PDB file of N, CA and C in Angstrom:
ATOM      1  N   UNK A   1       0.861  -1.163   0.000  1.00  0.00           N
ATOM      2  CA  UNK A   1       0.000   0.000   0.000  1.00  0.00           C
ATOM      3  C   UNK A   1       0.906   1.224   0.000  1.00  0.00           C
ATOM      4  N   UNK A   2       0.670   2.108  -0.947  1.00  0.00           N
ATOM      5  CA  UNK A   2       1.547   3.261  -1.079  1.00  0.00           C
ATOM      6  C   UNK A   2       0.708   4.524  -1.209  1.00  0.00           C
ATOM      7  N   UNK A   3       1.029   5.533  -0.433  1.00  0.00           N
ATOM      8  CA  UNK A   3       0.326   6.807  -0.511  1.00  0.00           C
ATOM      9  C   UNK A   3       1.273   7.842  -1.078  1.00  0.00           C
ATOM     10  N   UNK A   4       0.718   8.783  -1.801  1.00  0.00           N
ATOM     11  CA  UNK A   4       1.516   9.893  -2.308  1.00  0.00           C
ATOM     12  C   UNK A   4       0.976  11.175  -1.716  1.00  0.00           C
ATOM     13  N   UNK A   5       1.847  12.127  -1.508  1.00  0.00           N
ATOM     14  CA  UNK A   5       1.415  13.391  -0.933  1.00  0.00           C
ATOM     15  C   UNK A   5       0.672  14.217  -1.978  1.00  0.00           C
ATOM     16  N   UNK A   6      -0.231  15.022  -1.536  1.00  0.00           N
ATOM     17  CA  UNK A   6      -1.023  15.881  -2.391  1.00  0.00           C
ATOM     18  C   UNK A   6      -0.109  16.940  -3.005  1.00  0.00           C
ATOM     19  N   UNK A   7      -0.191  17.110  -4.354  1.00  0.00           N
ATOM     20  CA  UNK A   7       0.686  18.057  -5.031  1.00  0.00           C
ATOM     21  C   UNK A   7       0.067  19.436  -5.183  1.00  0.00           C
ATOM     22  N   UNK A   8      -1.245  19.504  -5.253  1.00  0.00           N
ATOM     23  CA  UNK A   8      -1.914  20.806  -5.265  1.00  0.00           C
ATOM     24  C   UNK A   8      -3.323  20.652  -4.715  1.00  0.00           C
ATOM     25  N   UNK A   9      -4.009  21.765  -4.598  1.00  0.00           N
ATOM     26  CA  UNK A   9      -5.320  21.762  -3.935  1.00  0.00           C
ATOM     27  C   UNK A   9      -6.348  20.918  -4.677  1.00  0.00           C
ATOM     28  N   UNK A  10      -6.175  20.686  -5.976  1.00  0.00           N
ATOM     29  CA  UNK A  10      -7.163  19.946  -6.747  1.00  0.00           C
ATOM     30  C   UNK A  10      -6.837  18.464  -6.887  1.00  0.00           C
ATOM     31  N   UNK A  11      -5.663  18.053  -6.453  1.00  0.00           N
ATOM     32  CA  UNK A  11      -5.263  16.659  -6.544  1.00  0.00           C
ATOM     33  C   UNK A  11      -5.585  15.968  -5.234  1.00  0.00           C
ATOM     34  N   UNK A  12      -6.346  14.875  -5.293  1.00  0.00           N
ATOM     35  CA  UNK A  12      -6.690  14.201  -4.038  1.00  0.00           C
ATOM     36  C   UNK A  12      -5.471  13.538  -3.406  1.00  0.00           C
ATOM     37  N   UNK A  13      -5.434  13.559  -2.104  1.00  0.00           N
ATOM     38  CA  UNK A  13      -4.370  12.897  -1.364  1.00  0.00           C
ATOM     39  C   UNK A  13      -4.454  11.387  -1.557  1.00  0.00           C
ATOM     40  N   UNK A  14      -5.659  10.873  -1.621  1.00  0.00           N
ATOM     41  CA  UNK A  14      -5.887   9.442  -1.782  1.00  0.00           C
ATOM     42  C   UNK A  14      -6.062   9.149  -3.266  1.00  0.00           C
ATOM     43  N   UNK A  15      -5.091   8.454  -3.834  1.00  0.00           N
ATOM     44  CA  UNK A  15      -5.102   8.178  -5.276  1.00  0.00           C
ATOM     45  C   UNK A  15      -6.102   7.080  -5.613  1.00  0.00           C
ATOM     46  N   UNK A  16      -6.447   6.995  -6.887  1.00  0.00           N
ATOM     47  CA  UNK A  16      -7.324   5.921  -7.344  1.00  0.00           C
ATOM     48  C   UNK A  16      -6.663   4.559  -7.128  1.00  0.00           C
ATOM     49  N   UNK A  17      -5.345   4.509  -7.274  1.00  0.00           N
ATOM     50  CA  UNK A  17      -4.614   3.246  -7.044  1.00  0.00           C
ATOM     51  C   UNK A  17      -4.783   2.794  -5.594  1.00  0.00           C
ATOM     52  N   UNK A  18      -4.632   3.735  -4.651  1.00  0.00           N
ATOM     53  CA  UNK A  18      -4.801   3.384  -3.244  1.00  0.00           C
ATOM     54  C   UNK A  18      -6.236   2.962  -2.961  1.00  0.00           C
ATOM     55  N   UNK A  19      -7.202   3.663  -3.542  1.00  0.00           N
ATOM     56  CA  UNK A  19      -8.602   3.272  -3.365  1.00  0.00           C
ATOM     57  C   UNK A  19      -8.843   1.859  -3.880  1.00  0.00           C
ATOM     58  N   UNK A  20      -8.252   1.538  -5.035  1.00  0.00           N
ATOM     59  CA  UNK A  20      -8.417   0.195  -5.595  1.00  0.00           C
ATOM     60  C   UNK A  20      -7.820  -0.855  -4.666  1.00  0.00           C
ATOM     61  N   UNK A  21      -6.670  -0.547  -4.076  1.00  0.00           N
ATOM     62  CA  UNK A  21      -6.050  -1.486  -3.138  1.00  0.00           C
ATOM     63  C   UNK A  21      -6.923  -1.684  -1.910  1.00  0.00           C
ATOM     64  N   UNK A  22      -7.496  -0.594  -1.408  1.00  0.00           N
ATOM     65  CA  UNK A  22      -8.341  -0.692  -0.216  1.00  0.00           C
ATOM     66  C   UNK A  22      -9.658  -1.403  -0.526  1.00  0.00           C
ATOM     67  N   UNK A  23     -10.122  -1.303  -1.766  1.00  0.00           N
ATOM     68  CA  UNK A  23     -11.388  -1.936  -2.151  1.00  0.00           C
ATOM     69  C   UNK A  23     -11.245  -3.444  -2.321  1.00  0.00           C
ATOM     70  N   UNK A  24     -10.019  -3.917  -2.505  1.00  0.00           N
ATOM     71  CA  UNK A  24      -9.783  -5.350  -2.676  1.00  0.00           C
ATOM     72  C   UNK A  24      -8.728  -5.804  -1.662  1.00  0.00           C
ATOM     73  N   UNK A  25      -9.097  -5.866  -0.395  1.00  0.00           N
ATOM     74  CA  UNK A  25      -8.111  -6.205   0.645  1.00  0.00           C
ATOM     75  C   UNK A  25      -7.630  -7.648   0.540  1.00  0.00           C
ATOM     76  N   UNK A  26      -6.387  -7.850   0.944  1.00  0.00           N
ATOM     77  CA  UNK A  26      -5.858  -9.218   1.005  1.00  0.00           C
ATOM     78  C   UNK A  26      -6.351  -9.870   2.297  1.00  0.00           C
ATOM     79  N   UNK A  27      -5.973 -11.136   2.480  1.00  0.00           N
ATOM     80  CA  UNK A  27      -6.468 -11.893   3.646  1.00  0.00           C
ATOM     81  C   UNK A  27      -6.058 -11.238   4.964  1.00  0.00           C
ATOM     82  N   UNK A  28      -4.827 -10.729   5.036  1.00  0.00           N
ATOM     83  CA  UNK A  28      -4.374 -10.081   6.268  1.00  0.00           C
ATOM     84  C   UNK A  28      -5.226  -8.850   6.577  1.00  0.00           C
ATOM     85  N   UNK A  29      -5.498  -8.054   5.553  1.00  0.00           N
ATOM     86  CA  UNK A  29      -6.293  -6.837   5.755  1.00  0.00           C
ATOM     87  C   UNK A  29      -7.712  -7.181   6.193  1.00  0.00           C
ATOM     88  N   UNK A  30      -8.279  -8.225   5.605  1.00  0.00           N
ATOM     89  CA  UNK A  30      -9.634  -8.640   5.980  1.00  0.00           C
ATOM     90  C   UNK A  30      -9.690  -9.016   7.461  1.00  0.00           C
ATOM     91  N   UNK A  31      -8.605  -9.580   7.949  1.00  0.00           N
ATOM     92  CA  UNK A  31      -8.540  -9.979   9.355  1.00  0.00           C
ATOM     93  C   UNK A  31      -8.144  -8.813  10.266  1.00  0.00           C
ATOM     94  N   UNK A  32      -7.882  -7.646   9.672  1.00  0.00           N
ATOM     95  CA  UNK A  32      -7.500  -6.484  10.470  1.00  0.00           C
ATOM     96  C   UNK A  32      -6.034  -6.462  10.838  1.00  0.00           C
ATOM     97  N   UNK A  33      -5.243  -7.264  10.155  1.00  0.00           N
ATOM     98  CA  UNK A  33      -3.807  -7.349  10.432  1.00  0.00           C
ATOM     99  C   UNK A  33      -3.066  -6.376   9.508  1.00  0.00           C
ATOM    100  N   UNK A  34      -2.878  -5.138   9.978  1.00  0.00           N
ATOM    101  CA  UNK A  34      -2.234  -4.096   9.190  1.00  0.00           C
ATOM    102  C   UNK A  34      -0.839  -3.836   9.742  1.00  0.00           C
ATOM    103  N   UNK A  35       0.129  -3.642   8.851  1.00  0.00           N
ATOM    104  CA  UNK A  35       1.469  -3.276   9.321  1.00  0.00           C
ATOM    105  C   UNK A  35       1.478  -1.786   9.686  1.00  0.00           C
ATOM    106  N   UNK A  36       2.564  -1.320  10.266  1.00  0.00           N
ATOM    107  CA  UNK A  36       2.634   0.068  10.733  1.00  0.00           C
ATOM    108  C   UNK A  36       2.456   1.071   9.599  1.00  0.00           C
ATOM    109  N   UNK A  37       3.029   0.779   8.428  1.00  0.00           N
ATOM    110  CA  UNK A  37       2.889   1.691   7.283  1.00  0.00           C
ATOM    111  C   UNK A  37       1.432   1.792   6.846  1.00  0.00           C
ATOM    112  N   UNK A  38       0.759   0.637   6.767  1.00  0.00           N
ATOM    113  CA  UNK A  38      -0.652   0.635   6.366  1.00  0.00           C
ATOM    114  C   UNK A  38      -1.503   1.397   7.382  1.00  0.00           C
ATOM    115  N   UNK A  39      -1.228   1.220   8.675  1.00  0.00           N
ATOM    116  CA  UNK A  39      -1.974   1.956   9.709  1.00  0.00           C
ATOM    117  C   UNK A  39      -1.789   3.460   9.552  1.00  0.00           C
ATOM    118  N   UNK A  40      -0.550   3.874   9.274  1.00  0.00           N
ATOM    119  CA  UNK A  40      -0.282   5.306   9.092  1.00  0.00           C
ATOM    120  C   UNK A  40      -1.028   5.847   7.880  1.00  0.00           C
ATOM    121  N   UNK A  41      -1.028   5.078   6.810  1.00  0.00           N
ATOM    122  CA  UNK A  41      -1.744   5.502   5.595  1.00  0.00           C
ATOM    123  C   UNK A  41      -3.240   5.594   5.881  1.00  0.00           C
ATOM    124  N   UNK A  42      -3.778   4.590   6.563  1.00  0.00           N
ATOM    125  CA  UNK A  42      -5.204   4.588   6.874  1.00  0.00           C
ATOM    126  C   UNK A  42      -5.585   5.735   7.801  1.00  0.00           C
ATOM    127  N   UNK A  43      -4.695   6.096   8.706  1.00  0.00           N
ATOM    128  CA  UNK A  43      -4.983   7.213   9.617  1.00  0.00           C
ATOM    129  C   UNK A  43      -5.203   8.504   8.848  1.00  0.00           C
ATOM    130  N   UNK A  44      -4.547   8.646   7.725  1.00  0.00           N
ATOM    131  CA  UNK A  44      -4.720   9.825   6.870  1.00  0.00           C
ATOM    132  C   UNK A  44      -5.850   9.594   5.868  1.00  0.00           C
ATOM    133  N   UNK A  45      -5.895   8.394   5.313  1.00  0.00           N
ATOM    134  CA  UNK A  45      -6.829   8.107   4.229  1.00  0.00           C
ATOM    135  C   UNK A  45      -8.288   8.080   4.669  1.00  0.00           C
ATOM    136  N   UNK A  46      -8.563   7.457   5.790  1.00  0.00           N
ATOM    137  CA  UNK A  46      -9.960   7.275   6.189  1.00  0.00           C
ATOM    138  C   UNK A  46     -10.680   8.604   6.399  1.00  0.00           C
ATOM    139  N   UNK A  47     -10.117   9.564   7.137  1.00  0.00           N
ATOM    140  CA  UNK A  47     -10.836  10.840   7.274  1.00  0.00           C
ATOM    141  C   UNK A  47     -11.037  11.564   5.937  1.00  0.00           C
ATOM    142  N   UNK A  48     -10.022  11.513   5.071  1.00  0.00           N
ATOM    143  CA  UNK A  48     -10.170  12.184   3.774  1.00  0.00           C
ATOM    144  C   UNK A  48     -11.228  11.494   2.913  1.00  0.00           C
ATOM    145  N   UNK A  49     -11.231  10.164   2.907  1.00  0.00           N
ATOM    146  CA  UNK A  49     -12.234   9.437   2.121  1.00  0.00           C
ATOM    147  C   UNK A  49     -13.636   9.681   2.671  1.00  0.00           C
ATOM    148  N   UNK A  50     -13.749   9.699   3.989  1.00  0.00           N
ATOM    149  CA  UNK A  50     -15.058   9.940   4.599  1.00  0.00           C
ATOM    150  C   UNK A  50     -15.568  11.339   4.258  1.00  0.00           C
ATOM    151  N   UNK A  51     -14.676  12.336   4.310  1.00  0.00           N
ATOM    152  CA  UNK A  51     -15.080  13.706   3.976  1.00  0.00           C
ATOM    153  C   UNK A  51     -15.515  13.805   2.518  1.00  0.00           C
ATOM    154  N   UNK A  52     -14.765  13.157   1.637  1.00  0.00           N
ATOM    155  CA  UNK A  52     -15.131  13.184   0.210  1.00  0.00           C
ATOM    156  C   UNK A  52     -16.457  12.476  -0.024  1.00  0.00           C
ATOM    157  N   UNK A  53     -16.652  11.346   0.623  1.00  0.00           N
ATOM    158  CA  UNK A  53     -17.903  10.607   0.481  1.00  0.00           C
ATOM    159  C   UNK A  53     -19.079  11.431   0.995  1.00  0.00           C
ATOM    160  N   UNK A  54     -18.905  12.080   2.144  1.00  0.00           N
ATOM    161  CA  UNK A  54     -19.980  12.916   2.685  1.00  0.00           C
ATOM    162  C   UNK A  54     -20.312  14.055   1.729  1.00  0.00           C
ATOM    163  N   UNK A  55     -19.290  14.677   1.157  1.00  0.00           N
ATOM    164  CA  UNK A  55     -19.509  15.777   0.223  1.00  0.00           C
ATOM    165  C   UNK A  55     -20.242  15.284  -1.025  1.00  0.00           C
ATOM    166  N   UNK A  56     -19.843  14.142  -1.537  1.00  0.00           N
ATOM    167  CA  UNK A  56     -20.500  13.589  -2.731  1.00  0.00           C
ATOM    168  C   UNK A  56     -21.941  13.193  -2.435  1.00  0.00           C
ATOM    169  N   UNK A  57     -22.175  12.614  -1.278  1.00  0.00           N
ATOM    170  CA  UNK A  57     -23.544  12.249  -0.910  1.00  0.00           C
ATOM    171  C   UNK A  57     -24.419  13.493  -0.778  1.00  0.00           C
ATOM    172  N   UNK A  58     -23.863  14.534  -0.174  1.00  0.00           N
ATOM    173  CA  UNK A  58     -24.621  15.783  -0.033  1.00  0.00           C
ATOM    174  C   UNK A  58     -24.918  16.374  -1.400  1.00  0.00           C
ATOM    175  N   UNK A  59     -23.937  16.354  -2.291  1.00  0.00           N
ATOM    176  CA  UNK A  59     -24.142  16.891  -3.641  1.00  0.00           C
ATOM    177  C   UNK A  59     -25.201  16.097  -4.388  1.00  0.00           C
ATOM    178  N   UNK A  60     -25.157  14.781  -4.243  1.00  0.00           N
ATOM    179  CA  UNK A  60     -26.147  13.934  -4.895  1.00  0.00           C
ATOM    180  C   UNK A  60     -27.537  14.222  -4.347  1.00  0.00           C
ATOM    181  N   UNK A  61     -27.635  14.373  -3.051  1.00  0.00           N
ATOM    182  CA  UNK A  61     -28.921  14.681  -2.427  1.00  0.00           C
ATOM    183  C   UNK A  61     -29.467  16.000  -2.950  1.00  0.00           C
ATOM    184  N   UNK A  62     -28.585  16.998  -3.060  1.00  0.00           N
ATOM    185  CA  UNK A  62     -29.004  18.315  -3.542  1.00  0.00           C
ATOM    186  C   UNK A  62     -29.413  18.239  -5.007  1.00  0.00           C
ATOM    187  N   UNK A  63     -28.707  17.435  -5.796  1.00  0.00           N
ATOM    188  CA  UNK A  63     -29.055  17.285  -7.204  1.00  0.00           C
ATOM    189  C   UNK A  63     -30.422  16.646  -7.365  1.00  0.00           C
ATOM    190  N   UNK A  64     -30.726  15.695  -6.498  1.00  0.00           N
ATOM    191  CA  UNK A  64     -32.016  15.008  -6.572  1.00  0.00           C
ATOM    192  C   UNK A  64     -33.123  15.862  -5.956  1.00  0.00           C
ATOM    193  N   UNK A  65     -32.795  16.566  -4.868  1.00  0.00           N
ATOM    194  CA  UNK A  65     -33.785  17.382  -4.147  1.00  0.00           C
ATOM    195  C   UNK A  65     -33.229  18.794  -3.941  1.00  0.00           C
ATOM    196  N   UNK A  66     -33.304  19.670  -4.960  1.00  0.00           N
ATOM    197  CA  UNK A  66     -32.708  21.004  -4.829  1.00  0.00           C
ATOM    198  C   UNK A  66     -33.265  21.813  -3.657  1.00  0.00           C
ATOM    199  N   UNK A  67     -34.497  21.549  -3.274  1.00  0.00           N
ATOM    200  CA  UNK A  67     -35.075  22.282  -2.144  1.00  0.00           C
ATOM    201  C   UNK A  67     -34.347  21.946  -0.843  1.00  0.00           C
ATOM    202  N   UNK A  68     -33.684  20.806  -0.800  1.00  0.00           N
ATOM    203  CA  UNK A  68     -32.946  20.417   0.393  1.00  0.00           C
ATOM    204  C   UNK A  68     -31.795  21.373   0.665  1.00  0.00           C
ATOM    205  N   UNK A  69     -31.185  21.907  -0.389  1.00  0.00           N
ATOM    206  CA  UNK A  69     -30.088  22.866  -0.204  1.00  0.00           C
ATOM    207  C   UNK A  69     -30.597  24.114   0.501  1.00  0.00           C
ATOM    208  N   UNK A  70     -31.733  24.633   0.060  1.00  0.00           N
ATOM    209  CA  UNK A  70     -32.292  25.830   0.679  1.00  0.00           C
ATOM    210  C   UNK A  70     -32.664  25.567   2.128  1.00  0.00           C
ATOM    211  N   UNK A  71     -33.223  24.403   2.402  1.00  0.00           N
ATOM    212  CA  UNK A  71     -33.576  24.056   3.777  1.00  0.00           C
ATOM    213  C   UNK A  71     -32.318  23.944   4.645  1.00  0.00           C
ATOM    214  N   UNK A  72     -31.255  23.380   4.086  1.00  0.00           N
ATOM    215  CA  UNK A  72     -29.996  23.258   4.827  1.00  0.00           C
ATOM    216  C   UNK A  72     -29.423  24.631   5.146  1.00  0.00           C
ATOM    217  N   UNK A  73     -29.485  25.540   4.173  1.00  0.00           N
ATOM    218  CA  UNK A  73     -28.986  26.904   4.368  1.00  0.00           C
ATOM    219  C   UNK A  73     -29.800  27.604   5.457  1.00  0.00           C
ATOM    220  N   UNK A  74     -31.112  27.454   5.421  1.00  0.00           N
ATOM    221  CA  UNK A  74     -31.964  28.089   6.429  1.00  0.00           C
ATOM    222  C   UNK A  74     -31.667  27.547   7.835  1.00  0.00           C
ATOM    223  N   UNK A  75     -31.463  26.223   7.945  1.00  0.00           N
ATOM    224  CA  UNK A  75     -31.127  25.638   9.250  1.00  0.00           C
ATOM    225  C   UNK A  75     -29.761  26.135   9.727  1.00  0.00           C
ATOM    226  N   UNK A  76     -28.805  26.223   8.809  1.00  0.00           N
ATOM    227  CA  UNK A  76     -27.466  26.697   9.176  1.00  0.00           C
ATOM    228  C   UNK A  76     -27.525  28.146   9.643  1.00  0.00           C
ATOM    229  N   UNK A  77     -28.295  28.968   8.951  1.00  0.00           N
ATOM    230  CA  UNK A  77     -28.446  30.370   9.364  1.00  0.00           C
ATOM    231  C   UNK A  77     -29.063  30.455  10.754  1.00  0.00           C
ATOM    232  N   UNK A  78     -30.039  29.613  11.024  1.00  0.00           N
ATOM    233  CA  UNK A  78     -30.685  29.618  12.339  1.00  0.00           C
ATOM    234  C   UNK A  78     -29.691  29.236  13.432  1.00  0.00           C
ATOM    235  N   UNK A  79     -28.827  28.281  13.152  1.00  0.00           N
ATOM    236  CA  UNK A  79     -27.807  27.869  14.121  1.00  0.00           C
ATOM    237  C   UNK A  79     -26.883  29.040  14.422  1.00  0.00           C
ATOM    238  N   UNK A  80     -26.432  29.704  13.380  1.00  0.00           N
ATOM    239  CA  UNK A  80     -25.474  30.794  13.556  1.00  0.00           C
ATOM    240  C   UNK A  80     -26.099  31.998  14.260  1.00  0.00           C
ATOM    241  N   UNK A  81     -27.365  32.244  14.021  1.00  0.00           N
ATOM    242  CA  UNK A  81     -28.032  33.427  14.593  1.00  0.00           C
ATOM    243  C   UNK A  81     -28.620  33.194  15.982  1.00  0.00           C
ATOM    244  N   UNK A  82     -28.586  31.962  16.461  1.00  0.00           N
ATOM    245  CA  UNK A  82     -29.199  31.680  17.756  1.00  0.00           C
ATOM    246  C   UNK A  82     -28.484  32.426  18.880  1.00  0.00           C
ATOM    247  N   UNK A  83     -29.223  32.770  19.901  1.00  0.00           N
ATOM    248  CA  UNK A  83     -28.660  33.416  21.077  1.00  0.00           C
ATOM    249  C   UNK A  83     -28.194  32.388  22.101  1.00  0.00           C
ATOM    250  N   UNK A  84     -28.582  31.135  21.896  1.00  0.00           N
ATOM    251  CA  UNK A  84     -28.227  30.059  22.823  1.00  0.00           C
ATOM    252  C   UNK A  84     -26.805  29.576  22.535  1.00  0.00           C
ATOM    253  N   UNK A  85     -26.135  29.060  23.543  1.00  0.00           N
ATOM    254  CA  UNK A  85     -24.811  28.468  23.304  1.00  0.00           C
ATOM    255  C   UNK A  85     -24.940  27.249  22.388  1.00  0.00           C
ATOM    256  N   UNK A  86     -23.973  27.098  21.496  1.00  0.00           N
ATOM    257  CA  UNK A  86     -23.979  25.938  20.602  1.00  0.00           C
ATOM    258  C   UNK A  86     -22.603  25.271  20.638  1.00  0.00           C
ATOM    259  N   UNK A  87     -22.593  23.994  20.380  1.00  0.00           N
ATOM    260  CA  UNK A  87     -21.344  23.235  20.353  1.00  0.00           C
ATOM    261  C   UNK A  87     -20.498  23.667  19.161  1.00  0.00           C
ATOM    262  N   UNK A  88     -19.199  23.597  19.336  1.00  0.00           N
ATOM    263  CA  UNK A  88     -18.280  23.991  18.262  1.00  0.00           C
ATOM    264  C   UNK A  88     -18.517  23.168  17.002  1.00  0.00           C
ATOM    265  N   UNK A  89     -18.760  21.882  17.162  1.00  0.00           N
ATOM    266  CA  UNK A  89     -18.974  21.041  15.978  1.00  0.00           C
ATOM    267  C   UNK A  89     -20.262  21.420  15.248  1.00  0.00           C
ATOM    268  N   UNK A  90     -21.262  21.894  15.990  1.00  0.00           N
ATOM    269  CA  UNK A  90     -22.511  22.338  15.374  1.00  0.00           C
ATOM    270  C   UNK A  90     -22.276  23.606  14.575  1.00  0.00           C
ATOM    271  N   UNK A  91     -21.510  24.531  15.158  1.00  0.00           N
ATOM    272  CA  UNK A  91     -21.175  25.764  14.445  1.00  0.00           C
ATOM    273  C   UNK A  91     -20.347  25.456  13.203  1.00  0.00           C
ATOM    274  N   UNK A  92     -19.396  24.541  13.330  1.00  0.00           N
ATOM    275  CA  UNK A  92     -18.556  24.156  12.196  1.00  0.00           C
ATOM    276  C   UNK A  92     -19.417  23.561  11.080  1.00  0.00           C
ATOM    277  N   UNK A  93     -20.338  22.686  11.418  1.00  0.00           N
ATOM    278  CA  UNK A  93     -21.214  22.066  10.415  1.00  0.00           C
ATOM    279  C   UNK A  93     -22.088  23.111   9.735  1.00  0.00           C
ATOM    280  N   UNK A  94     -22.597  24.068  10.509  1.00  0.00           N
ATOM    281  CA  UNK A  94     -23.422  25.133   9.928  1.00  0.00           C
ATOM    282  C   UNK A  94     -22.602  25.971   8.950  1.00  0.00           C
ATOM    283  N   UNK A  95     -21.386  26.297   9.332  1.00  0.00           N
ATOM    284  CA  UNK A  95     -20.521  27.091   8.443  1.00  0.00           C
ATOM    285  C   UNK A  95     -20.174  26.320   7.176  1.00  0.00           C
ATOM    286  N   UNK A  96     -19.902  25.030   7.318  1.00  0.00           N
ATOM    287  CA  UNK A  96     -19.605  24.223   6.137  1.00  0.00           C
ATOM    288  C   UNK A  96     -20.800  24.148   5.204  1.00  0.00           C
ATOM    289  N   UNK A  97     -21.987  24.067   5.772  1.00  0.00           N
ATOM    290  CA  UNK A  97     -23.199  24.062   4.961  1.00  0.00           C
ATOM    291  C   UNK A  97     -23.326  25.367   4.184  1.00  0.00           C
ATOM    292  N   UNK A  98     -23.079  26.493   4.858  1.00  0.00           N
ATOM    293  CA  UNK A  98     -23.170  27.781   4.176  1.00  0.00           C
ATOM    294  C   UNK A  98     -22.105  27.922   3.100  1.00  0.00           C
ATOM    295  N   UNK A  99     -20.913  27.446   3.371  1.00  0.00           N
ATOM    296  CA  UNK A  99     -19.855  27.516   2.360  1.00  0.00           C
ATOM    297  C   UNK A  99     -20.225  26.701   1.120  1.00  0.00           C
ATOM    298  N   UNK A 100     -20.903  25.592   1.331  1.00  0.00           N
ATOM    299  CA  UNK A 100     -21.240  24.695   0.226  1.00  0.00           C
ATOM    300  C   UNK A 100     -22.505  25.107  -0.514  1.00  0.00           C
ATOM    301  N   UNK A 101     -23.517  25.552   0.212  1.00  0.00           N
ATOM    302  CA  UNK A 101     -24.837  25.704  -0.404  1.00  0.00           C
ATOM    303  C   UNK A 101     -25.389  27.119  -0.467  1.00  0.00           C
ATOM    304  N   UNK A 102     -24.819  28.059   0.245  1.00  0.00           N
ATOM    305  CA  UNK A 102     -25.372  29.411   0.223  1.00  0.00           C
ATOM    306  C   UNK A 102     -25.133  30.069  -1.138  1.00  0.00           C
ATOM    307  N   UNK A 103     -26.150  30.730  -1.674  1.00  0.00           N
ATOM    308  CA  UNK A 103     -25.965  31.451  -2.942  1.00  0.00           C
ATOM    309  C   UNK A 103     -25.291  32.814  -2.731  1.00  0.00           C
ATOM    310  N   UNK A 104     -25.124  33.220  -1.486  1.00  0.00           N
ATOM    311  CA  UNK A 104     -24.568  34.534  -1.142  1.00  0.00           C
ATOM    312  C   UNK A 104     -23.059  34.433  -0.915  1.00  0.00           C
ATOM    313  N   UNK A 105     -22.278  35.058  -1.788  1.00  0.00           N
ATOM    314  CA  UNK A 105     -20.814  34.990  -1.708  1.00  0.00           C
ATOM    315  C   UNK A 105     -20.293  35.574  -0.395  1.00  0.00           C
ATOM    316  N   UNK A 106     -20.903  36.654   0.090  1.00  0.00           N
ATOM    317  CA  UNK A 106     -20.465  37.262   1.347  1.00  0.00           C
ATOM    318  C   UNK A 106     -20.715  36.305   2.513  1.00  0.00           C
ATOM    319  N   UNK A 107     -21.831  35.612   2.479  1.00  0.00           N
ATOM    320  CA  UNK A 107     -22.150  34.641   3.521  1.00  0.00           C
ATOM    321  C   UNK A 107     -21.166  33.462   3.477  1.00  0.00           C
ATOM    322  N   UNK A 108     -20.817  33.021   2.282  1.00  0.00           N
ATOM    323  CA  UNK A 108     -19.831  31.949   2.131  1.00  0.00           C
ATOM    324  C   UNK A 108     -18.482  32.380   2.712  1.00  0.00           C
ATOM    325  N   UNK A 109     -18.079  33.610   2.409  1.00  0.00           N
ATOM    326  CA  UNK A 109     -16.802  34.128   2.909  1.00  0.00           C
ATOM    327  C   UNK A 109     -16.811  34.247   4.431  1.00  0.00           C
ATOM    328  N   UNK A 110     -17.912  34.734   4.982  1.00  0.00           N
ATOM    329  CA  UNK A 110     -18.028  34.858   6.439  1.00  0.00           C
ATOM    330  C   UNK A 110     -17.941  33.475   7.101  1.00  0.00           C
ATOM    331  N   UNK A 111     -18.594  32.492   6.510  1.00  0.00           N
ATOM    332  CA  UNK A 111     -18.544  31.133   7.045  1.00  0.00           C
ATOM    333  C   UNK A 111     -17.115  30.587   6.984  1.00  0.00           C
ATOM    334  N   UNK A 112     -16.434  30.856   5.887  1.00  0.00           N
ATOM    335  CA  UNK A 112     -15.045  30.414   5.748  1.00  0.00           C
ATOM    336  C   UNK A 112     -14.163  31.073   6.802  1.00  0.00           C
ATOM    337  N   UNK A 113     -14.381  32.360   7.050  1.00  0.00           N
ATOM    338  CA  UNK A 113     -13.614  33.085   8.066  1.00  0.00           C
ATOM    339  C   UNK A 113     -13.833  32.490   9.468  1.00  0.00           C
ATOM    340  N   UNK A 114     -15.067  32.133   9.757  1.00  0.00           N
ATOM    341  CA  UNK A 114     -15.374  31.532  11.061  1.00  0.00           C
ATOM    342  C   UNK A 114     -14.633  30.200  11.212  1.00  0.00           C
ATOM    343  N   UNK A 115     -14.669  29.396  10.170  1.00  0.00           N
ATOM    344  CA  UNK A 115     -13.989  28.098  10.217  1.00  0.00           C
ATOM    345  C   UNK A 115     -12.484  28.291  10.395  1.00  0.00           C
ATOM    346  N   UNK A 116     -11.916  29.257   9.672  1.00  0.00           N
ATOM    347  CA  UNK A 116     -10.489  29.536   9.785  1.00  0.00           C
ATOM    348  C   UNK A 116     -10.131  29.939  11.206  1.00  0.00           C
ATOM    349  N   UNK A 117     -10.932  30.796  11.811  1.00  0.00           N
ATOM    350  CA  UNK A 117     -10.682  31.222  13.187  1.00  0.00           C
ATOM    351  C   UNK A 117     -10.816  30.057  14.168  1.00  0.00           C
ATOM    352  N   UNK A 118     -11.821  29.216  13.962  1.00  0.00           N
ATOM    353  CA  UNK A 118     -12.022  28.065  14.844  1.00  0.00           C
ATOM    354  C   UNK A 118     -10.845  27.100  14.749  1.00  0.00           C
ATOM    355  N   UNK A 119     -10.339  26.887  13.548  1.00  0.00           N
ATOM    356  CA  UNK A 119      -9.209  25.983  13.360  1.00  0.00           C
ATOM    357  C   UNK A 119      -7.936  26.569  13.976  1.00  0.00           C
ATOM    358  N   UNK A 120      -7.785  27.879  13.910  1.00  0.00           N
ATOM    359  CA  UNK A 120      -6.600  28.518  14.488  1.00  0.00           C
ATOM    360  C   UNK A 120      -6.608  28.403  16.005  1.00  0.00           C
ATOM    361  N   UNK A 121      -7.774  28.459  16.615  1.00  0.00           N
ATOM    362  CA  UNK A 121      -7.906  28.375  18.066  1.00  0.00           C
ATOM    363  C   UNK A 121      -7.709  26.956  18.559  1.00  0.00           C
ATOM    364  N   UNK A 122      -8.144  25.989  17.750  1.00  0.00           N
ATOM    365  CA  UNK A 122      -8.093  24.570  18.154  1.00  0.00           C
ATOM    366  C   UNK A 122      -6.706  24.015  18.272  1.00  0.00           C
TER     367      UNK A 122
END
């Protein structure tokens, strides 16, 4: 199993070759017997693959049900505007929703700024 580092923002960290290897595990992998290199690769690969899968599923949902995007934006706005305390992960999810689905460029930028600040503090 071999991973390559991402060369630019548009190139995925997880290559199609690595995905193919993970999709057809050998007997050791099926039994959960991973060497240290494979564990290190998986520690990076799994979160990136999960994020990509979530993004693709959300895009597919929006393509099938465009009204869902507007509903998601409205819920995200409500989260951000609430006077009640909210969990950091809830705020992060709301901002990500606005960055992805809001038709307002200023709102997308504000959401991106919030995420950047949250990541800097963490």
